[in-house]
Protein backbone atom coordinates (compact mmCIF):
# COMPACT_ATOMS: atom_id res chain seq x y z
CA MET A 1 -27.30 -6.51 14.06
CA ASP A 2 -30.08 -8.45 12.32
CA THR A 3 -28.84 -11.10 9.86
CA ASN A 4 -32.30 -11.33 8.28
CA LYS A 5 -32.18 -7.62 7.46
CA ILE A 6 -28.69 -8.00 6.02
CA GLU A 7 -29.94 -10.80 3.77
CA GLN A 8 -32.97 -8.73 2.77
CA LEU A 9 -30.84 -5.75 1.75
CA PHE A 10 -28.33 -7.97 -0.04
CA ASN A 11 -31.13 -9.58 -2.07
CA VAL A 12 -32.49 -6.18 -3.14
CA MET A 13 -29.04 -4.93 -4.10
CA ASP A 14 -28.16 -8.18 -5.84
CA LYS A 15 -31.32 -8.30 -7.97
CA SER A 16 -31.18 -4.60 -8.80
CA THR A 17 -27.48 -4.88 -9.71
CA ASP A 18 -28.24 -7.75 -12.10
CA LEU A 19 -31.03 -5.71 -13.72
CA LEU A 20 -28.80 -2.69 -14.17
CA GLN A 21 -25.86 -4.69 -15.47
CA LYS A 22 -27.98 -6.20 -18.23
CA ASP A 23 -29.86 -3.02 -19.12
CA LEU A 24 -26.88 -0.66 -19.07
CA ASP A 25 -24.42 -3.24 -20.44
CA VAL A 26 -21.80 -2.41 -17.80
CA ASP A 27 -19.48 -4.35 -15.51
CA TYR A 28 -20.95 -5.80 -12.33
CA LEU A 29 -19.04 -3.35 -10.11
CA ASP A 30 -20.35 -0.37 -12.09
CA ALA A 31 -23.88 -1.71 -11.63
CA VAL A 32 -23.24 -2.05 -7.87
CA ILE A 33 -22.27 1.62 -7.75
CA GLU A 34 -25.37 2.57 -9.77
CA THR A 35 -27.79 0.71 -7.51
CA GLY A 36 -26.09 2.08 -4.40
CA ASP A 37 -26.39 5.62 -5.73
CA ASN A 38 -30.08 4.98 -6.45
CA LEU A 39 -30.57 3.95 -2.81
CA VAL A 40 -28.69 7.03 -1.59
CA SER A 41 -30.78 9.42 -3.74
CA ASP A 42 -34.00 7.43 -3.18
CA GLU A 43 -34.76 7.43 -6.89
CA VAL A 44 -33.67 5.61 -10.04
CA GLN A 45 -31.12 7.69 -11.91
CA ILE A 46 -31.89 7.95 -15.64
CA GLU A 47 -29.36 9.19 -18.17
CA ASP A 48 -29.79 9.24 -21.96
CA GLY A 49 -32.94 7.15 -21.63
CA LYS A 50 -31.17 4.41 -19.64
CA PRO A 51 -32.24 2.28 -17.90
CA SER A 52 -35.39 1.47 -19.87
CA LYS A 53 -38.87 2.22 -18.55
CA GLU A 54 -39.47 -1.49 -17.93
CA THR A 55 -36.29 -1.79 -15.89
CA VAL A 56 -37.08 1.39 -13.95
CA ILE A 57 -40.44 -0.09 -12.93
CA GLU A 58 -38.76 -3.30 -11.73
CA LEU A 59 -36.09 -1.34 -9.85
CA GLU A 60 -38.64 0.88 -8.14
CA LYS A 61 -40.55 -2.21 -6.93
CA LEU A 62 -37.34 -3.64 -5.49
CA TYR A 63 -36.33 -0.40 -3.75
CA GLU A 64 -39.84 0.12 -2.38
CA SER A 65 -39.67 -3.30 -0.70
CA ILE A 66 -37.20 -1.87 1.84
CA ASP A 67 -36.70 1.35 3.79
CA ILE A 68 -32.95 2.03 3.86
CA SER A 69 -33.39 4.25 6.93
CA ASP A 70 -34.45 1.15 8.89
CA PHE A 71 -31.00 -0.41 8.49
CA SER A 72 -28.08 0.27 10.80
CA ALA A 73 -24.72 1.34 9.38
CA GLU A 74 -23.28 -2.09 10.20
CA GLU A 75 -26.16 -3.92 8.52
CA ILE A 76 -25.60 -1.84 5.39
CA ARG A 77 -21.85 -2.45 5.50
CA GLN A 78 -22.33 -6.20 5.87
CA ALA A 79 -24.77 -6.33 2.94
CA LEU A 80 -22.29 -4.39 0.79
CA GLN A 81 -19.60 -6.87 1.76
CA LEU A 82 -21.71 -9.74 0.44
CA ILE A 83 -22.25 -7.85 -2.81
CA LEU A 84 -18.50 -7.25 -3.18
CA ILE A 85 -17.77 -10.92 -2.49
CA LYS A 86 -20.05 -11.76 -5.40
CA ALA A 87 -18.34 -9.07 -7.49
CA ASN A 88 -14.97 -10.63 -6.75
CA LYS A 89 -16.19 -14.02 -7.94
CA LYS A 90 -17.58 -12.52 -11.13
CA GLU A 91 -14.78 -10.10 -12.00
CA ARG A 92 -11.76 -11.07 -9.91
CA ILE A 93 -10.90 -7.84 -8.10
CA GLN A 94 -7.11 -7.51 -7.88
CA THR A 95 -5.62 -8.57 -4.52
CA ASN A 96 -4.61 -5.07 -3.43
CA HIS A 97 -8.22 -3.88 -3.86
CA GLN A 98 -10.03 -6.68 -2.02
CA PHE A 99 -11.69 -5.57 1.19
CA THR A 100 -10.03 -6.08 4.56
CA PRO A 101 -11.77 -8.71 6.75
CA ASP A 102 -14.00 -7.43 9.55
CA ALA A 103 -11.85 -9.08 12.23
CA ILE A 104 -8.91 -6.88 11.22
CA GLY A 105 -11.01 -3.73 11.40
CA ILE A 106 -12.26 -4.67 14.86
CA LEU A 107 -8.67 -5.27 16.01
CA PHE A 108 -7.62 -1.90 14.60
CA THR A 109 -10.44 -0.27 16.57
CA TYR A 110 -9.38 -1.93 19.80
CA LEU A 111 -5.78 -0.82 19.29
CA ILE A 112 -6.91 2.77 18.67
CA GLU A 113 -9.00 2.71 21.84
CA ALA A 114 -6.19 1.16 23.90
CA LEU A 115 -3.56 3.66 22.75
CA PRO A 116 -3.38 7.16 24.28
CA ILE A 117 -5.43 8.80 21.52
CA GLU A 118 -7.87 11.26 23.05
CA GLU A 119 -11.11 10.84 21.11
CA PRO A 120 -9.72 10.88 17.56
CA LYS A 121 -11.60 13.30 15.34
CA THR A 122 -10.06 12.20 12.02
CA VAL A 123 -9.05 8.70 10.92
CA PHE A 124 -6.97 8.59 7.72
CA ASP A 125 -6.66 5.63 5.33
CA PRO A 126 -4.14 6.29 2.53
CA ALA A 127 -5.26 3.18 0.62
CA VAL A 128 -8.99 3.33 1.26
CA GLY A 129 -10.09 1.02 -1.61
CA THR A 130 -13.76 0.11 -1.17
CA GLY A 131 -13.73 1.68 2.29
CA ASN A 132 -14.51 -1.44 4.32
CA LEU A 133 -11.65 -1.08 6.82
CA LEU A 134 -12.30 2.61 7.40
CA ALA A 135 -16.07 2.04 7.71
CA THR A 136 -15.55 -0.80 10.20
CA VAL A 137 -13.34 1.39 12.37
CA LEU A 138 -15.58 4.47 12.17
CA ASN A 139 -18.72 2.46 12.96
CA SER A 140 -16.98 0.70 15.87
CA LEU A 141 -15.64 3.96 17.32
CA LYS A 142 -19.09 5.53 17.12
CA LYS A 143 -20.59 2.49 18.83
CA SER A 144 -18.02 2.94 21.60
CA GLY A 145 -19.21 6.49 22.12
CA VAL A 146 -16.46 8.46 20.35
CA PRO A 147 -18.23 11.66 19.19
CA LEU A 148 -17.81 13.49 15.89
CA VAL A 149 -15.30 11.08 14.39
CA SER A 150 -14.79 11.48 10.66
CA GLY A 151 -12.65 9.84 8.02
CA ILE A 152 -10.25 10.73 5.23
CA GLY A 153 -9.54 8.32 2.38
CA VAL A 154 -7.20 8.41 -0.61
CA ASP A 155 -7.11 6.07 -3.61
CA ASN A 156 -6.05 6.33 -7.24
CA ASP A 157 -8.64 3.84 -8.52
CA ASP A 158 -11.82 5.69 -9.48
CA THR A 159 -14.00 2.56 -9.39
CA MET A 160 -12.91 1.63 -5.86
CA LEU A 161 -13.36 5.24 -4.75
CA SER A 162 -16.87 5.34 -6.26
CA ILE A 163 -17.78 2.21 -4.29
CA ALA A 164 -16.35 3.75 -1.12
CA SER A 165 -18.22 7.01 -1.68
CA MET A 166 -21.50 5.17 -2.19
CA ALA A 167 -20.88 2.93 0.85
CA PHE A 168 -20.06 5.85 3.16
CA ALA A 169 -23.13 7.77 1.98
CA LEU A 170 -25.42 4.79 2.66
CA GLN A 171 -23.92 4.42 6.15
CA HIS A 172 -24.12 8.17 6.86
CA LEU A 173 -20.40 8.31 7.59
CA ASP A 174 -18.58 11.63 7.34
CA VAL A 175 -15.63 10.83 5.07
CA ASP A 176 -13.65 13.07 2.71
CA LEU A 177 -12.33 11.14 -0.28
CA TYR A 178 -9.45 12.12 -2.56
CA HIS A 179 -8.89 10.61 -5.99
CA GLN A 180 -5.14 10.81 -6.41
CA ASP A 181 -1.82 9.01 -6.13
CA VAL A 182 -1.14 9.01 -2.40
CA LEU A 183 2.56 9.52 -3.08
CA ASP A 184 1.89 12.92 -4.66
CA GLU A 185 1.49 15.95 -2.42
CA LEU A 186 -1.43 15.46 -0.02
CA PHE A 187 -3.86 18.11 1.18
CA VAL A 188 -5.60 16.16 3.94
CA GLY A 189 -4.61 18.25 6.94
CA LYS A 190 -3.06 16.59 9.99
CA PRO A 191 -5.11 13.49 10.84
CA ASP A 192 -5.23 12.17 14.42
CA VAL A 193 -4.57 8.55 13.48
CA ALA A 194 -3.77 6.64 10.30
CA ILE A 195 -4.85 3.09 9.52
CA SER A 196 -4.30 1.03 6.41
CA ASP A 197 -4.16 -2.41 4.87
CA LEU A 198 -1.20 -1.40 2.75
CA PRO A 199 -0.89 -2.56 -0.87
CA VAL A 200 2.24 -4.64 -1.38
CA GLY A 201 4.50 -4.50 -4.40
CA TYR A 202 6.66 -2.14 -6.42
CA TYR A 203 5.90 1.46 -7.30
CA PRO A 204 6.40 1.93 -11.07
CA ILE A 205 7.11 5.67 -11.38
CA ASP A 206 10.68 6.05 -10.11
CA GLU A 207 10.99 9.76 -10.91
CA ARG A 208 8.00 10.66 -8.75
CA VAL A 209 9.48 9.17 -5.55
CA LYS A 210 13.19 9.93 -6.01
CA ASP A 211 13.15 12.31 -3.02
CA TYR A 212 11.60 9.76 -0.67
CA HIS A 213 13.99 8.43 1.96
CA THR A 214 12.69 4.88 1.36
CA SER A 215 13.05 4.98 -2.43
CA ASN A 216 15.46 2.70 -4.24
CA PRO A 217 17.80 4.65 -6.59
CA LYS A 218 18.67 1.58 -8.66
CA GLU A 219 15.27 -0.05 -9.28
CA HIS A 220 11.59 0.20 -8.40
CA SER A 221 10.82 0.94 -4.75
CA PHE A 222 8.48 -0.94 -2.43
CA VAL A 223 5.16 0.90 -2.48
CA HIS A 224 4.31 -0.15 1.09
CA HIS A 225 7.57 1.41 2.36
CA LEU A 226 6.86 4.62 0.48
CA MET A 227 3.30 4.77 1.81
CA ILE A 228 4.45 4.30 5.41
CA GLU A 229 6.87 7.20 4.93
CA GLN A 230 4.24 9.43 3.31
CA THR A 231 1.56 8.61 5.88
CA MET A 232 3.76 9.13 8.92
CA ALA A 233 4.95 12.45 7.48
CA THR A 234 1.32 13.50 6.99
CA ILE A 235 -0.20 12.79 10.42
CA ASP A 236 0.19 15.19 13.32
CA ASP A 237 3.14 15.08 15.72
CA GLY A 238 2.84 12.38 18.37
CA LYS A 239 0.05 10.59 16.49
CA PHE A 240 -0.14 6.93 15.51
CA GLY A 241 -0.02 4.93 12.30
CA ILE A 242 -1.43 1.40 12.47
CA PHE A 243 -0.67 -0.69 9.39
CA LEU A 244 -1.36 -4.19 8.12
CA VAL A 245 1.90 -5.30 6.48
CA PRO A 246 3.69 -8.48 5.32
CA GLU A 247 5.16 -10.42 8.25
CA ASN A 248 8.61 -10.19 6.65
CA LEU A 249 8.50 -6.37 6.40
CA PHE A 250 11.75 -5.96 8.32
CA GLN A 251 13.49 -9.03 6.88
CA THR A 252 14.25 -7.75 3.38
CA GLU A 253 17.31 -5.85 2.20
CA GLU A 254 15.12 -2.77 1.65
CA ALA A 255 14.10 -2.81 5.33
CA LYS A 256 17.36 -1.07 6.22
CA LYS A 257 16.18 2.06 4.44
CA LEU A 258 12.79 1.91 6.13
CA LEU A 259 14.36 1.59 9.59
CA SER A 260 16.77 4.38 8.69
CA TYR A 261 13.78 6.58 7.83
CA PHE A 262 12.33 5.92 11.30
CA HIS A 263 15.43 7.43 12.97
CA ASP A 264 14.48 10.75 14.63
CA ARG A 265 11.12 10.73 12.80
CA VAL A 266 9.11 7.70 13.92
CA TYR A 267 8.98 5.56 17.06
CA PHE A 268 8.56 1.86 16.25
CA GLN A 269 6.29 0.78 19.11
CA ALA A 270 4.87 -2.67 18.34
CA VAL A 271 4.56 -5.51 15.85
CA LEU A 272 1.78 -8.04 16.33
CA ASN A 273 1.62 -11.10 14.08
CA LEU A 274 -1.78 -12.38 12.95
CA PRO A 275 -2.64 -16.06 13.52
CA VAL A 276 -0.96 -18.41 11.03
CA LYS A 277 -4.26 -20.23 10.41
CA MET A 278 -5.71 -17.08 8.83
CA PHE A 279 -3.51 -17.68 5.78
CA ALA A 280 -3.61 -20.58 3.34
CA ASP A 281 0.07 -19.95 2.61
CA LYS A 282 2.31 -19.18 5.60
CA ARG A 283 4.41 -16.96 3.35
CA ALA A 284 1.39 -14.65 3.00
CA ARG A 285 1.12 -14.12 6.76
CA LYS A 286 0.58 -10.52 7.84
CA SER A 287 1.33 -8.43 10.89
CA ILE A 288 0.02 -5.23 12.42
CA ILE A 289 2.67 -2.64 13.18
CA ILE A 290 2.15 0.39 15.40
CA LEU A 291 4.22 3.48 14.69
CA GLN A 292 4.17 6.85 16.45
CA LYS A 293 5.36 10.09 14.93
CA VAL A 294 8.04 11.89 16.93
CA GLY A 295 6.83 15.07 18.63
CA GLY A 296 4.37 16.24 21.24
CA ASN A 297 4.43 13.99 24.30
CA ALA A 298 5.48 10.93 22.30
CA LYS A 299 8.38 8.77 23.42
CA GLN A 300 9.92 5.49 22.39
CA ALA A 301 8.46 2.60 24.38
CA GLU A 302 11.03 1.18 26.80
CA GLN A 303 9.86 -2.25 25.67
CA VAL A 304 8.86 -2.59 22.01
CA LEU A 305 5.93 -4.99 21.99
CA LEU A 306 6.48 -8.13 19.91
CA GLY A 307 3.63 -10.61 19.99
CA ASP A 308 1.39 -13.09 18.20
CA PHE A 309 -2.37 -12.77 18.24
CA PRO A 310 -4.11 -15.95 19.43
CA GLU A 311 -6.69 -17.60 17.18
CA PHE A 312 -9.66 -15.29 16.83
CA ASN A 313 -12.15 -17.97 17.86
CA ASP A 314 -10.40 -18.47 21.25
CA LYS A 315 -12.25 -15.72 23.07
CA GLU A 316 -10.52 -16.23 26.43
CA LYS A 317 -7.00 -16.05 25.01
CA MET A 318 -7.93 -13.11 22.83
CA ALA A 319 -9.39 -11.21 25.79
CA ASN A 320 -6.21 -11.89 27.79
CA PHE A 321 -4.02 -10.78 24.87
CA LEU A 322 -5.93 -7.52 24.41
CA GLY A 323 -5.81 -6.92 28.17
CA ASP A 324 -2.04 -7.39 28.11
CA PHE A 325 -1.82 -4.95 25.19
CA LYS A 326 -3.75 -2.30 27.14
CA ALA A 327 -1.48 -2.78 30.16
CA TRP A 328 1.62 -2.45 27.94
CA SER A 329 0.20 0.70 26.34
CA ASP A 330 -0.55 2.28 29.70
CA GLN A 331 2.97 1.58 30.94
CA ASN A 332 5.00 2.35 27.81
CA ILE A 333 3.22 4.83 25.55
CA LYS A 334 2.48 8.54 25.92
């Protein structure tokens, strides 16, 4: 991956986004989507005489200064990340819609590869957002030689989904996107593996989730509990769900209902805590949990894996930890 090329693409996207934002009088994120779509179609999109002829000329000069086909999927993804970091500074994207750090996506990929998942063909993210986590995993799996892997993403925010759609198109990733509330009925088939950086908070529409096992009949329910239930019910029998969740997921009063849902439906296989130093506030610490849907050849691990990731910059300890995880998987998971 060439950092100079990433910077070059970022500069083109940044300048063209600024031009479009001023000319079209739109939010920065909308201008990001517009310039990305221009790069995908290889022409400046004009609607109702906008952007102006002068701006079109400037945009065409910028786009002609690069050949998008010369950039790898990862270089494109990294440039888009830089653009979204700038967007966050300008418009303050809400926490649940900020992209998942690359390190988490790489960890998710390793876990998928270490678990007994025979060449996953579909990776499902029920909270796809801007698509960074799903793109990181898909690009990493392809780099590892997994053939014909595709993605499925769901989100109820049309702006985030537009960014994801543009990003996947630029990276030539095969991803089906669904604009809907993930807690409504899903028509995504039976994915081979689910991944997600789950949004945390309360779900506001009590009537819609009253039949969920993890719903709270007296007040709003935890949306992350509901999404775990929905996702694990959606994937195929014996398949895995890998989720980024609050460290205290199983320490709340509502956790009893979540664990009760797992009974006879889901095997709770592992919980791995991320390094404390990743979080400015220890109370915001997150963990990765690994769940497996009952069915097929699946079985409950004789030893549920409980662990703490070492610091990411300690390569030796991280390599040892991941090696231990693979050995545990080989011995305990089917």
